[in-house]
């Protein structure tokens, strides 16, 4: 899928420089960045769901530990 993306000039210059250093394209850098954002979001969601599970299933235990 094609997409147009407008980036500030400063960011474009920095991407251009990094792309040259890494011998890749700006497009590849931006795709990699998007994957990292999605991975971070998924991980935060997993952690949040895990904490919710512990809080709901182990509430009594946590209360006893709090009082110990």
N, C-alpha and C. Protein backbone atom coordinates (compact mmCIF):
# COMPACT_ATOMS: atom_id res chain seq x y z
N UNK A 1 0.84 -1.17 0.00
CA UNK A 1 0.00 0.00 0.00
C UNK A 1 0.89 1.24 0.00
N UNK A 2 0.55 2.18 -0.83
CA UNK A 2 1.30 3.43 -0.89
C UNK A 2 0.70 4.44 0.08
N UNK A 3 1.57 5.30 0.59
CA UNK A 3 1.11 6.31 1.54
C UNK A 3 1.98 7.54 1.39
N UNK A 4 1.38 8.69 1.45
CA UNK A 4 2.14 9.94 1.48
C UNK A 4 2.30 10.35 2.92
N UNK A 5 3.46 10.85 3.26
CA UNK A 5 3.74 11.27 4.62
C UNK A 5 4.48 12.59 4.59
N UNK A 6 3.97 13.54 5.33
CA UNK A 6 4.64 14.84 5.42
C UNK A 6 5.39 14.88 6.74
N UNK A 7 6.67 15.18 6.66
CA UNK A 7 7.50 15.29 7.86
C UNK A 7 8.15 16.66 7.87
N UNK A 8 8.39 17.19 9.05
CA UNK A 8 9.08 18.48 9.14
C UNK A 8 10.47 18.39 8.49
N UNK A 9 10.94 19.51 7.99
CA UNK A 9 12.22 19.55 7.28
C UNK A 9 13.37 19.03 8.13
N UNK A 10 13.39 19.40 9.40
CA UNK A 10 14.47 18.95 10.28
C UNK A 10 14.46 17.42 10.40
N UNK A 11 13.30 16.86 10.59
CA UNK A 11 13.20 15.40 10.70
C UNK A 11 13.61 14.73 9.39
N UNK A 12 13.21 15.32 8.27
CA UNK A 12 13.58 14.77 6.97
C UNK A 12 15.10 14.76 6.80
N UNK A 13 15.75 15.85 7.19
CA UNK A 13 17.21 15.92 7.09
C UNK A 13 17.86 14.85 7.97
N UNK A 14 17.35 14.68 9.18
CA UNK A 14 17.91 13.69 10.09
C UNK A 14 17.69 12.28 9.57
N UNK A 15 16.52 12.02 9.00
CA UNK A 15 16.25 10.71 8.41
C UNK A 15 17.17 10.46 7.21
N UNK A 16 17.36 11.48 6.40
CA UNK A 16 18.25 11.36 5.23
C UNK A 16 19.67 11.01 5.68
N UNK A 17 20.14 11.67 6.72
CA UNK A 17 21.48 11.42 7.22
C UNK A 17 21.59 10.00 7.77
N UNK A 18 20.62 9.59 8.57
CA UNK A 18 20.65 8.24 9.14
C UNK A 18 20.53 7.18 8.05
N UNK A 19 19.68 7.41 7.08
CA UNK A 19 19.53 6.46 5.98
C UNK A 19 20.85 6.28 5.24
N UNK A 20 21.56 7.36 5.02
CA UNK A 20 22.85 7.28 4.34
C UNK A 20 23.85 6.50 5.19
N UNK A 21 23.87 6.77 6.49
CA UNK A 21 24.78 6.07 7.39
C UNK A 21 24.48 4.58 7.45
N UNK A 22 23.21 4.23 7.41
CA UNK A 22 22.79 2.83 7.53
C UNK A 22 22.67 2.13 6.19
N UNK A 23 22.93 2.86 5.12
CA UNK A 23 22.83 2.30 3.76
C UNK A 23 21.44 1.70 3.51
N UNK A 24 20.44 2.49 3.83
CA UNK A 24 19.05 2.08 3.64
C UNK A 24 18.25 3.30 3.18
N UNK A 25 16.97 3.13 3.06
CA UNK A 25 16.12 4.25 2.61
C UNK A 25 15.39 4.87 3.79
N UNK A 26 14.93 6.07 3.59
CA UNK A 26 14.10 6.71 4.62
C UNK A 26 12.82 5.91 4.82
N UNK A 27 12.30 5.39 3.75
CA UNK A 27 11.09 4.58 3.84
C UNK A 27 11.31 3.37 4.74
N UNK A 28 12.44 2.70 4.57
CA UNK A 28 12.74 1.54 5.41
C UNK A 28 12.88 1.94 6.87
N UNK A 29 13.50 3.07 7.13
CA UNK A 29 13.63 3.56 8.50
C UNK A 29 12.26 3.82 9.12
N UNK A 30 11.39 4.47 8.37
CA UNK A 30 10.07 4.78 8.88
C UNK A 30 9.23 3.53 9.10
N UNK A 31 9.36 2.55 8.22
CA UNK A 31 8.65 1.28 8.41
C UNK A 31 9.14 0.58 9.67
N UNK A 32 10.44 0.59 9.87
CA UNK A 32 11.01 -0.02 11.07
C UNK A 32 10.50 0.71 12.32
N UNK A 33 10.44 2.02 12.26
CA UNK A 33 9.92 2.80 13.38
C UNK A 33 8.47 2.47 13.67
N UNK A 34 7.67 2.29 12.64
CA UNK A 34 6.26 1.94 12.83
C UNK A 34 6.13 0.58 13.50
N UNK A 35 6.95 -0.37 13.09
CA UNK A 35 6.93 -1.70 13.71
C UNK A 35 7.29 -1.59 15.20
N UNK A 36 8.29 -0.79 15.52
CA UNK A 36 8.69 -0.61 16.92
C UNK A 36 7.57 0.01 17.75
N UNK A 37 6.87 0.97 17.20
CA UNK A 37 5.75 1.60 17.91
C UNK A 37 4.66 0.57 18.17
N UNK A 38 4.33 -0.23 17.17
CA UNK A 38 3.31 -1.26 17.34
C UNK A 38 3.73 -2.31 18.37
N UNK A 39 4.99 -2.71 18.35
CA UNK A 39 5.49 -3.67 19.34
C UNK A 39 5.42 -3.10 20.75
N UNK A 40 5.81 -1.86 20.90
CA UNK A 40 5.76 -1.21 22.22
C UNK A 40 4.34 -1.14 22.74
N UNK A 41 3.42 -0.77 21.86
CA UNK A 41 2.02 -0.68 22.25
C UNK A 41 1.48 -2.05 22.67
N UNK A 42 1.79 -3.08 21.90
CA UNK A 42 1.33 -4.43 22.22
C UNK A 42 1.90 -4.89 23.57
N UNK A 43 3.16 -4.59 23.81
CA UNK A 43 3.79 -5.00 25.08
C UNK A 43 3.14 -4.28 26.25
N UNK A 44 2.87 -3.00 26.11
CA UNK A 44 2.20 -2.26 27.20
C UNK A 44 0.83 -2.84 27.47
N UNK A 45 0.12 -3.21 26.40
CA UNK A 45 -1.21 -3.80 26.56
C UNK A 45 -1.11 -5.14 27.28
N UNK A 46 -0.12 -5.97 26.92
CA UNK A 46 0.07 -7.26 27.59
C UNK A 46 0.36 -7.07 29.08
N UNK A 47 1.20 -6.11 29.39
CA UNK A 47 1.55 -5.86 30.79
C UNK A 47 0.31 -5.39 31.55
N UNK A 48 -0.44 -4.49 30.96
CA UNK A 48 -1.65 -3.98 31.60
C UNK A 48 -2.66 -5.10 31.84
N UNK A 49 -2.85 -5.95 30.84
CA UNK A 49 -3.78 -7.07 30.99
C UNK A 49 -3.29 -8.04 32.06
N UNK A 50 -1.99 -8.26 32.13
CA UNK A 50 -1.43 -9.12 33.17
C UNK A 50 -1.65 -8.56 34.56
N UNK A 51 -1.43 -7.27 34.71
CA UNK A 51 -1.67 -6.63 36.01
C UNK A 51 -3.14 -6.69 36.39
N UNK A 52 -4.01 -6.44 35.43
CA UNK A 52 -5.45 -6.54 35.69
C UNK A 52 -5.83 -7.94 36.15
N UNK A 53 -5.25 -8.96 35.51
CA UNK A 53 -5.54 -10.34 35.89
C UNK A 53 -5.09 -10.60 37.32
N UNK A 54 -3.86 -10.20 37.65
CA UNK A 54 -3.36 -10.43 39.01
C UNK A 54 -4.22 -9.69 40.02
N UNK A 55 -4.56 -8.47 39.73
CA UNK A 55 -5.36 -7.68 40.68
C UNK A 55 -6.74 -8.29 40.90
N UNK A 56 -7.32 -8.88 39.87
CA UNK A 56 -8.66 -9.45 40.03
C UNK A 56 -8.63 -10.87 40.59
N UNK A 57 -7.61 -11.65 40.28
CA UNK A 57 -7.57 -13.04 40.72
C UNK A 57 -6.81 -13.25 42.03
N UNK A 58 -5.96 -12.32 42.37
CA UNK A 58 -5.15 -12.47 43.58
C UNK A 58 -5.36 -11.31 44.56
N UNK A 59 -6.52 -10.69 44.51
CA UNK A 59 -6.79 -9.53 45.36
C UNK A 59 -6.69 -9.90 46.84
N UNK A 60 -7.23 -11.05 47.22
CA UNK A 60 -7.19 -11.46 48.63
C UNK A 60 -5.76 -11.68 49.09
N UNK A 61 -4.97 -12.36 48.28
CA UNK A 61 -3.57 -12.60 48.61
C UNK A 61 -2.81 -11.29 48.74
N UNK A 62 -3.05 -10.37 47.83
CA UNK A 62 -2.36 -9.07 47.89
C UNK A 62 -2.74 -8.31 49.15
N UNK A 63 -3.98 -8.41 49.57
CA UNK A 63 -4.43 -7.76 50.78
C UNK A 63 -3.72 -8.37 52.00
N UNK A 64 -3.61 -9.69 52.02
CA UNK A 64 -2.92 -10.35 53.15
C UNK A 64 -1.45 -9.96 53.17
N UNK A 65 -0.81 -9.89 52.02
CA UNK A 65 0.59 -9.48 51.97
C UNK A 65 0.77 -8.04 52.40
N UNK A 66 -0.20 -7.22 52.06
CA UNK A 66 -0.14 -5.81 52.45
C UNK A 66 -0.17 -5.67 53.97
N UNK A 67 -0.96 -6.53 54.64
CA UNK A 67 -1.11 -6.47 56.08
C UNK A 67 0.01 -7.18 56.84
N UNK A 68 0.86 -7.92 56.12
CA UNK A 68 1.92 -8.71 56.79
C UNK A 68 3.04 -7.85 57.28
